[in-house]
Amino acid sequence: MPQFTISTDARLTIDDITDRVAEAVDDVAPGAGERVCTVFVEHTTAGVVVNEAESRLLGDVEAYLSQIVPNERWDHDAIDDNADAHLRTLFLGNSVQVPVVDGDLTLGSWQSVLLVECDGPRQRTVRVVV
C-alpha cells in the first residue's frame, strides 16, 4: 500500500497533495480500468478533503475552521493542548474517495485533494489505497 509523508509548517494550514496522490495511484494501478482511490491520513488532528486549491479560498477555509472551533480552553487541553485540532477534524474527516479511470484520478476542473493540518507543524503520513 503506497504512502507518503508530508511536513506541515504551521498550526492550521492546507497543503495540495493531489500530485503526490496521483503518483501513488500510478505506482499501483497504471492504466488499470476503473477503480476507486481512498486517501487516508493516519492522524486524529489532520483531515483530508476535496476542494479548490485557490489561495484565497484556502485562507477562507482556515479562517472558517478557526471560527467554528476557537482555540479556547477545552477539557482535552489539560492533556496536550490540542483539543481544537481534534474538534476541527471532526468536520473534515480523515479520508476521501476519488474515482480512477485508466490510471488517472478523475477530479473535476477545480478539485484538488487537500491535507488540512490542524495541529502543526508536524510530519503526517498519508496512505493511498486503490
N, C-alpha and C. Protein backbone atom coordinates (compact mmCIF):
# COMPACT_ATOMS: atom_id res chain seq x y z
N MET A 1 0.85 -1.17 0.00
CA MET A 1 0.00 0.00 0.00
C MET A 1 0.90 1.24 0.00
N PRO A 2 0.78 2.08 -1.02
CA PRO A 2 1.62 3.27 -1.07
C PRO A 2 1.26 4.27 0.03
N GLN A 3 2.28 4.95 0.47
CA GLN A 3 2.08 6.03 1.43
C GLN A 3 3.17 7.06 1.21
N PHE A 4 2.93 8.25 1.71
CA PHE A 4 3.96 9.29 1.68
C PHE A 4 3.83 10.13 2.93
N THR A 5 4.89 10.85 3.24
CA THR A 5 4.92 11.72 4.40
C THR A 5 5.00 13.15 3.94
N ILE A 6 4.28 14.00 4.62
CA ILE A 6 4.32 15.43 4.31
C ILE A 6 4.63 16.19 5.60
N SER A 7 5.50 17.16 5.48
CA SER A 7 5.83 18.03 6.61
C SER A 7 4.99 19.29 6.51
N THR A 8 4.21 19.55 7.55
CA THR A 8 3.42 20.77 7.56
C THR A 8 4.20 21.84 8.32
N ASP A 9 3.89 23.11 8.02
CA ASP A 9 4.73 24.18 8.56
C ASP A 9 4.01 25.18 9.46
N ALA A 10 2.73 24.92 9.77
CA ALA A 10 2.00 25.85 10.64
C ALA A 10 0.94 25.06 11.41
N ARG A 11 0.42 25.68 12.45
CA ARG A 11 -0.60 25.02 13.28
C ARG A 11 -1.83 24.66 12.45
N LEU A 12 -2.34 25.60 11.67
CA LEU A 12 -3.51 25.36 10.82
C LEU A 12 -3.12 25.77 9.40
N THR A 13 -3.03 24.77 8.54
CA THR A 13 -2.60 25.04 7.16
C THR A 13 -3.18 23.98 6.23
N ILE A 14 -3.21 24.30 4.95
CA ILE A 14 -3.76 23.38 3.96
C ILE A 14 -2.74 23.18 2.86
N ASP A 15 -2.46 21.91 2.55
CA ASP A 15 -1.50 21.57 1.50
C ASP A 15 -2.19 20.78 0.40
N ASP A 16 -1.93 21.16 -0.84
CA ASP A 16 -2.44 20.43 -2.00
C ASP A 16 -1.57 19.20 -2.20
N ILE A 17 -2.15 18.02 -2.03
CA ILE A 17 -1.39 16.76 -2.16
C ILE A 17 -1.82 15.98 -3.40
N THR A 18 -2.53 16.62 -4.31
CA THR A 18 -3.06 15.93 -5.49
C THR A 18 -1.97 15.23 -6.29
N ASP A 19 -0.87 15.91 -6.57
CA ASP A 19 0.20 15.30 -7.37
C ASP A 19 0.80 14.09 -6.68
N ARG A 20 0.98 14.17 -5.37
CA ARG A 20 1.54 13.03 -4.63
C ARG A 20 0.58 11.83 -4.66
N VAL A 21 -0.72 12.11 -4.56
CA VAL A 21 -1.72 11.04 -4.63
C VAL A 21 -1.71 10.43 -6.03
N ALA A 22 -1.67 11.26 -7.07
CA ALA A 22 -1.65 10.77 -8.45
C ALA A 22 -0.42 9.89 -8.70
N GLU A 23 0.73 10.28 -8.16
CA GLU A 23 1.93 9.45 -8.30
C GLU A 23 1.75 8.10 -7.63
N ALA A 24 1.14 8.10 -6.46
CA ALA A 24 0.91 6.84 -5.75
C ALA A 24 -0.05 5.95 -6.52
N VAL A 25 -1.08 6.54 -7.10
CA VAL A 25 -2.03 5.77 -7.91
C VAL A 25 -1.32 5.18 -9.12
N ASP A 26 -0.49 5.96 -9.76
CA ASP A 26 0.25 5.50 -10.94
C ASP A 26 1.18 4.33 -10.59
N ASP A 27 1.73 4.36 -9.38
CA ASP A 27 2.61 3.27 -8.94
C ASP A 27 1.87 1.95 -8.76
N VAL A 28 0.61 2.03 -8.30
CA VAL A 28 -0.12 0.79 -8.02
C VAL A 28 -1.07 0.36 -9.11
N ALA A 29 -1.63 1.31 -9.82
CA ALA A 29 -2.67 0.96 -10.79
C ALA A 29 -2.50 1.73 -12.10
N PRO A 30 -1.36 1.60 -12.76
CA PRO A 30 -1.18 2.34 -14.01
C PRO A 30 -2.11 1.80 -15.10
N GLY A 31 -2.99 2.66 -15.59
CA GLY A 31 -3.88 2.28 -16.68
C GLY A 31 -4.81 1.13 -16.38
N ALA A 32 -5.19 0.93 -15.15
CA ALA A 32 -5.93 -0.26 -14.75
C ALA A 32 -7.44 -0.07 -14.72
N GLY A 33 -8.04 0.30 -15.82
CA GLY A 33 -9.50 0.39 -15.91
C GLY A 33 -10.11 1.35 -14.91
N GLU A 34 -11.28 0.96 -14.37
CA GLU A 34 -11.98 1.81 -13.41
C GLU A 34 -11.77 1.30 -12.00
N ARG A 35 -11.36 2.19 -11.12
CA ARG A 35 -11.07 1.85 -9.72
C ARG A 35 -11.54 2.99 -8.83
N VAL A 36 -11.35 2.81 -7.53
CA VAL A 36 -11.60 3.86 -6.55
C VAL A 36 -10.34 4.02 -5.71
N CYS A 37 -9.93 5.26 -5.53
CA CYS A 37 -8.77 5.58 -4.73
C CYS A 37 -9.25 6.16 -3.40
N THR A 38 -8.78 5.59 -2.30
CA THR A 38 -9.04 6.14 -0.99
C THR A 38 -7.76 6.79 -0.49
N VAL A 39 -7.88 8.03 -0.07
CA VAL A 39 -6.76 8.78 0.50
C VAL A 39 -7.07 8.94 1.98
N PHE A 40 -6.18 8.43 2.84
CA PHE A 40 -6.42 8.36 4.28
C PHE A 40 -5.25 8.95 5.05
N VAL A 41 -5.52 9.86 5.97
CA VAL A 41 -4.47 10.41 6.82
C VAL A 41 -4.56 9.71 8.18
N GLU A 42 -3.42 9.22 8.66
CA GLU A 42 -3.37 8.38 9.86
C GLU A 42 -3.31 9.18 11.16
N HIS A 43 -4.00 10.27 11.23
CA HIS A 43 -3.87 11.12 12.40
C HIS A 43 -5.24 11.68 12.78
N THR A 44 -5.42 11.98 14.07
CA THR A 44 -6.71 12.49 14.54
C THR A 44 -6.76 14.01 14.58
N THR A 45 -5.67 14.66 14.21
CA THR A 45 -5.67 16.13 14.20
C THR A 45 -5.32 16.69 12.82
N ALA A 46 -5.54 15.90 11.79
CA ALA A 46 -5.39 16.35 10.40
C ALA A 46 -6.51 15.68 9.60
N GLY A 47 -6.93 16.34 8.55
CA GLY A 47 -8.00 15.81 7.73
C GLY A 47 -7.65 15.84 6.25
N VAL A 48 -8.47 15.17 5.46
CA VAL A 48 -8.31 15.16 4.01
C VAL A 48 -9.65 15.54 3.40
N VAL A 49 -9.62 16.48 2.45
CA VAL A 49 -10.84 16.92 1.78
C VAL A 49 -10.55 17.09 0.29
N VAL A 50 -11.62 17.19 -0.49
CA VAL A 50 -11.52 17.55 -1.90
C VAL A 50 -12.18 18.92 -2.03
N ASN A 51 -11.41 19.87 -2.56
CA ASN A 51 -11.93 21.22 -2.77
C ASN A 51 -10.97 21.96 -3.69
N GLU A 52 -11.26 23.22 -3.91
CA GLU A 52 -10.41 24.04 -4.78
C GLU A 52 -9.18 24.51 -4.01
N ALA A 53 -8.03 24.51 -4.68
CA ALA A 53 -6.76 24.89 -4.04
C ALA A 53 -6.38 26.34 -4.32
N GLU A 54 -7.35 27.21 -4.49
CA GLU A 54 -7.09 28.62 -4.74
C GLU A 54 -6.69 29.28 -3.42
N SER A 55 -5.62 30.06 -3.41
CA SER A 55 -5.02 30.55 -2.17
C SER A 55 -5.98 31.36 -1.29
N ARG A 56 -6.82 32.20 -1.88
CA ARG A 56 -7.75 32.98 -1.05
C ARG A 56 -8.80 32.08 -0.43
N LEU A 57 -9.26 31.08 -1.17
CA LEU A 57 -10.23 30.13 -0.62
C LEU A 57 -9.59 29.34 0.52
N LEU A 58 -8.35 28.91 0.35
CA LEU A 58 -7.67 28.17 1.42
C LEU A 58 -7.57 29.02 2.68
N GLY A 59 -7.28 30.30 2.52
CA GLY A 59 -7.26 31.21 3.67
C GLY A 59 -8.64 31.33 4.31
N ASP A 60 -9.67 31.36 3.47
CA ASP A 60 -11.04 31.41 4.00
C ASP A 60 -11.38 30.14 4.79
N VAL A 61 -10.94 28.98 4.29
CA VAL A 61 -11.20 27.72 4.99
C VAL A 61 -10.51 27.74 6.35
N GLU A 62 -9.26 28.18 6.38
CA GLU A 62 -8.54 28.26 7.65
C GLU A 62 -9.26 29.19 8.63
N ALA A 63 -9.72 30.35 8.14
CA ALA A 63 -10.45 31.29 8.99
C ALA A 63 -11.76 30.68 9.48
N TYR A 64 -12.45 29.97 8.60
CA TYR A 64 -13.72 29.33 8.96
C TYR A 64 -13.51 28.29 10.06
N LEU A 65 -12.50 27.44 9.88
CA LEU A 65 -12.23 26.42 10.90
C LEU A 65 -11.90 27.05 12.24
N SER A 66 -11.17 28.16 12.22
CA SER A 66 -10.83 28.87 13.45
C SER A 66 -12.07 29.49 14.10
N GLN A 67 -13.04 29.89 13.27
CA GLN A 67 -14.27 30.48 13.81
C GLN A 67 -15.20 29.43 14.40
N ILE A 68 -15.35 28.29 13.70
CA ILE A 68 -16.30 27.30 14.21
C ILE A 68 -15.77 26.56 15.43
N VAL A 69 -14.44 26.45 15.53
CA VAL A 69 -13.84 25.85 16.72
C VAL A 69 -12.70 26.77 17.18
N PRO A 70 -13.02 27.72 18.04
CA PRO A 70 -11.97 28.64 18.50
C PRO A 70 -10.96 27.91 19.38
N ASN A 71 -9.77 28.45 19.42
CA ASN A 71 -8.70 27.88 20.24
C ASN A 71 -8.85 28.44 21.65
N GLU A 72 -9.82 27.89 22.35
CA GLU A 72 -10.07 28.31 23.72
C GLU A 72 -9.83 27.13 24.64
N ARG A 73 -10.10 27.29 25.87
CA ARG A 73 -9.82 26.22 26.83
C ARG A 73 -10.86 25.11 26.72
N TRP A 74 -10.41 23.93 26.29
CA TRP A 74 -11.25 22.73 26.22
C TRP A 74 -10.70 21.73 27.23
N ASP A 75 -11.53 20.82 27.70
CA ASP A 75 -11.10 19.84 28.71
C ASP A 75 -9.88 19.04 28.25
N HIS A 76 -9.85 18.63 27.00
CA HIS A 76 -8.75 17.81 26.49
C HIS A 76 -7.41 18.57 26.51
N ASP A 77 -7.46 19.88 26.53
CA ASP A 77 -6.23 20.68 26.55
C ASP A 77 -5.36 20.38 27.77
N ALA A 78 -5.95 19.88 28.83
CA ALA A 78 -5.17 19.52 30.02
C ALA A 78 -4.16 18.42 29.71
N ILE A 79 -4.42 17.63 28.66
CA ILE A 79 -3.52 16.53 28.28
C ILE A 79 -2.44 17.02 27.34
N ASP A 80 -2.84 17.63 26.21
CA ASP A 80 -1.81 18.03 25.23
C ASP A 80 -2.14 19.30 24.44
N ASP A 81 -3.06 20.10 24.94
CA ASP A 81 -3.32 21.43 24.38
C ASP A 81 -3.64 21.43 22.87
N ASN A 82 -4.42 20.45 22.42
CA ASN A 82 -4.79 20.43 21.01
C ASN A 82 -6.24 20.00 20.76
N ALA A 83 -7.09 20.25 21.72
CA ALA A 83 -8.50 19.87 21.56
C ALA A 83 -9.12 20.53 20.34
N ASP A 84 -8.76 21.79 20.09
CA ASP A 84 -9.32 22.48 18.93
C ASP A 84 -9.01 21.73 17.64
N ALA A 85 -7.81 21.18 17.54
CA ALA A 85 -7.42 20.43 16.34
C ALA A 85 -8.27 19.17 16.18
N HIS A 86 -8.48 18.44 17.26
CA HIS A 86 -9.34 17.25 17.21
C HIS A 86 -10.75 17.62 16.79
N LEU A 87 -11.28 18.69 17.37
CA LEU A 87 -12.65 19.10 17.06
C LEU A 87 -12.80 19.57 15.61
N ARG A 88 -11.80 20.30 15.11
CA ARG A 88 -11.86 20.75 13.72
C ARG A 88 -11.88 19.59 12.74
N THR A 89 -11.09 18.56 13.03
CA THR A 89 -11.05 17.44 12.09
C THR A 89 -12.32 16.61 12.10
N LEU A 90 -13.15 16.76 13.13
CA LEU A 90 -14.46 16.10 13.10
C LEU A 90 -15.29 16.59 11.91
N PHE A 91 -15.11 17.86 11.54
CA PHE A 91 -15.84 18.43 10.40
C PHE A 91 -15.23 18.02 9.06
N LEU A 92 -13.95 17.65 9.08
CA LEU A 92 -13.22 17.38 7.83
C LEU A 92 -13.24 15.92 7.43
N GLY A 93 -13.03 15.04 8.38
CA GLY A 93 -12.90 13.62 8.09
C GLY A 93 -11.45 13.26 7.79
N ASN A 94 -11.14 11.97 7.92
CA ASN A 94 -9.76 11.52 7.73
C ASN A 94 -9.51 10.86 6.39
N SER A 95 -10.53 10.83 5.50
CA SER A 95 -10.32 10.21 4.20
C SER A 95 -11.28 10.77 3.16
N VAL A 96 -10.89 10.57 1.90
CA VAL A 96 -11.76 10.88 0.76
C VAL A 96 -11.60 9.75 -0.25
N GLN A 97 -12.59 9.62 -1.10
CA GLN A 97 -12.50 8.67 -2.21
C GLN A 97 -12.60 9.44 -3.52
N VAL A 98 -11.77 9.02 -4.47
CA VAL A 98 -11.74 9.65 -5.79
C VAL A 98 -11.76 8.54 -6.83
N PRO A 99 -12.65 8.61 -7.82
CA PRO A 99 -12.63 7.61 -8.89
C PRO A 99 -11.32 7.68 -9.68
N VAL A 100 -10.89 6.53 -10.15
CA VAL A 100 -9.70 6.42 -11.00
C VAL A 100 -10.14 5.75 -12.29
N VAL A 101 -9.85 6.38 -13.42
CA VAL A 101 -10.18 5.80 -14.73
C VAL A 101 -8.90 5.75 -15.54
N ASP A 102 -8.57 4.54 -16.00
CA ASP A 102 -7.35 4.32 -16.80
C ASP A 102 -6.10 4.87 -16.11
N GLY A 103 -6.04 4.71 -14.80
CA GLY A 103 -4.86 5.11 -14.03
C GLY A 103 -4.81 6.55 -13.61
N ASP A 104 -5.83 7.35 -13.97
CA ASP A 104 -5.83 8.77 -13.64
C ASP A 104 -6.94 9.10 -12.65
N LEU A 105 -6.64 9.98 -11.69
CA LEU A 105 -7.67 10.49 -10.80
C LEU A 105 -8.68 11.27 -11.64
N THR A 106 -9.97 11.09 -11.36
CA THR A 106 -10.99 11.81 -12.13
C THR A 106 -11.59 12.91 -11.26
N LEU A 107 -10.80 13.92 -11.03
CA LEU A 107 -11.25 15.09 -10.29
C LEU A 107 -11.86 16.10 -11.24
N GLY A 108 -12.78 16.92 -10.74
CA GLY A 108 -13.37 17.97 -11.54
C GLY A 108 -12.37 19.08 -11.82
N SER A 109 -12.75 20.00 -12.68
CA SER A 109 -11.84 21.07 -13.13
C SER A 109 -11.13 21.80 -12.01
N TRP A 110 -11.82 22.10 -10.93
CA TRP A 110 -11.23 22.90 -9.86
C TRP A 110 -10.97 22.07 -8.60
N GLN A 111 -11.12 20.76 -8.68
CA GLN A 111 -10.96 19.93 -7.49
C GLN A 111 -9.51 19.50 -7.29
N SER A 112 -9.10 19.51 -6.04
CA SER A 112 -7.78 19.02 -5.62
C SER A 112 -7.96 18.23 -4.34
N VAL A 113 -7.02 17.33 -4.07
CA VAL A 113 -7.00 16.61 -2.80
C VAL A 113 -6.14 17.44 -1.85
N LEU A 114 -6.72 17.80 -0.71
CA LEU A 114 -6.07 18.71 0.22
C LEU A 114 -5.88 18.05 1.59
N LEU A 115 -4.70 18.20 2.14
CA LEU A 115 -4.43 17.79 3.52
C LEU A 115 -4.63 19.03 4.39
N VAL A 116 -5.49 18.93 5.37
CA VAL A 116 -5.75 20.06 6.27
C VAL A 116 -5.10 19.76 7.62
N GLU A 117 -4.05 20.47 7.90
CA GLU A 117 -3.32 20.33 9.16
C GLU A 117 -3.98 21.21 10.21
N CYS A 118 -4.31 20.63 11.36
CA CYS A 118 -4.94 21.39 12.43
C CYS A 118 -4.09 21.45 13.70
N ASP A 119 -2.93 20.79 13.70
CA ASP A 119 -2.11 20.71 14.92
C ASP A 119 -0.63 20.70 14.58
N GLY A 120 -0.24 21.55 13.64
CA GLY A 120 1.14 21.54 13.19
C GLY A 120 2.01 22.50 13.95
N PRO A 121 3.23 22.59 13.47
CA PRO A 121 3.81 21.81 12.38
C PRO A 121 4.10 20.37 12.81
N ARG A 122 3.90 19.45 11.87
CA ARG A 122 4.08 18.02 12.14
C ARG A 122 4.48 17.28 10.86
N GLN A 123 4.86 16.02 11.05
CA GLN A 123 5.04 15.08 9.95
C GLN A 123 3.74 14.27 9.86
N ARG A 124 3.16 14.20 8.69
CA ARG A 124 1.90 13.46 8.50
C ARG A 124 2.10 12.34 7.49
N THR A 125 1.51 11.20 7.80
CA THR A 125 1.55 10.05 6.89
C THR A 125 0.22 9.94 6.18
N VAL A 126 0.27 9.86 4.86
CA VAL A 126 -0.93 9.74 4.04
C VAL A 126 -0.85 8.41 3.31
N ARG A 127 -1.87 7.59 3.43
CA ARG A 127 -1.94 6.30 2.73
C ARG A 127 -2.88 6.43 1.53
N VAL A 128 -2.51 5.74 0.47
CA VAL A 128 -3.30 5.74 -0.75
C VAL A 128 -3.62 4.29 -1.10
N VAL A 129 -4.91 3.98 -1.16
CA VAL A 129 -5.34 2.61 -1.48
C VAL A 129 -6.19 2.66 -2.73
N VAL A 130 -5.86 1.81 -3.70
CA VAL A 130 -6.63 1.75 -4.94
C VAL A 130 -7.21 0.34 -5.05
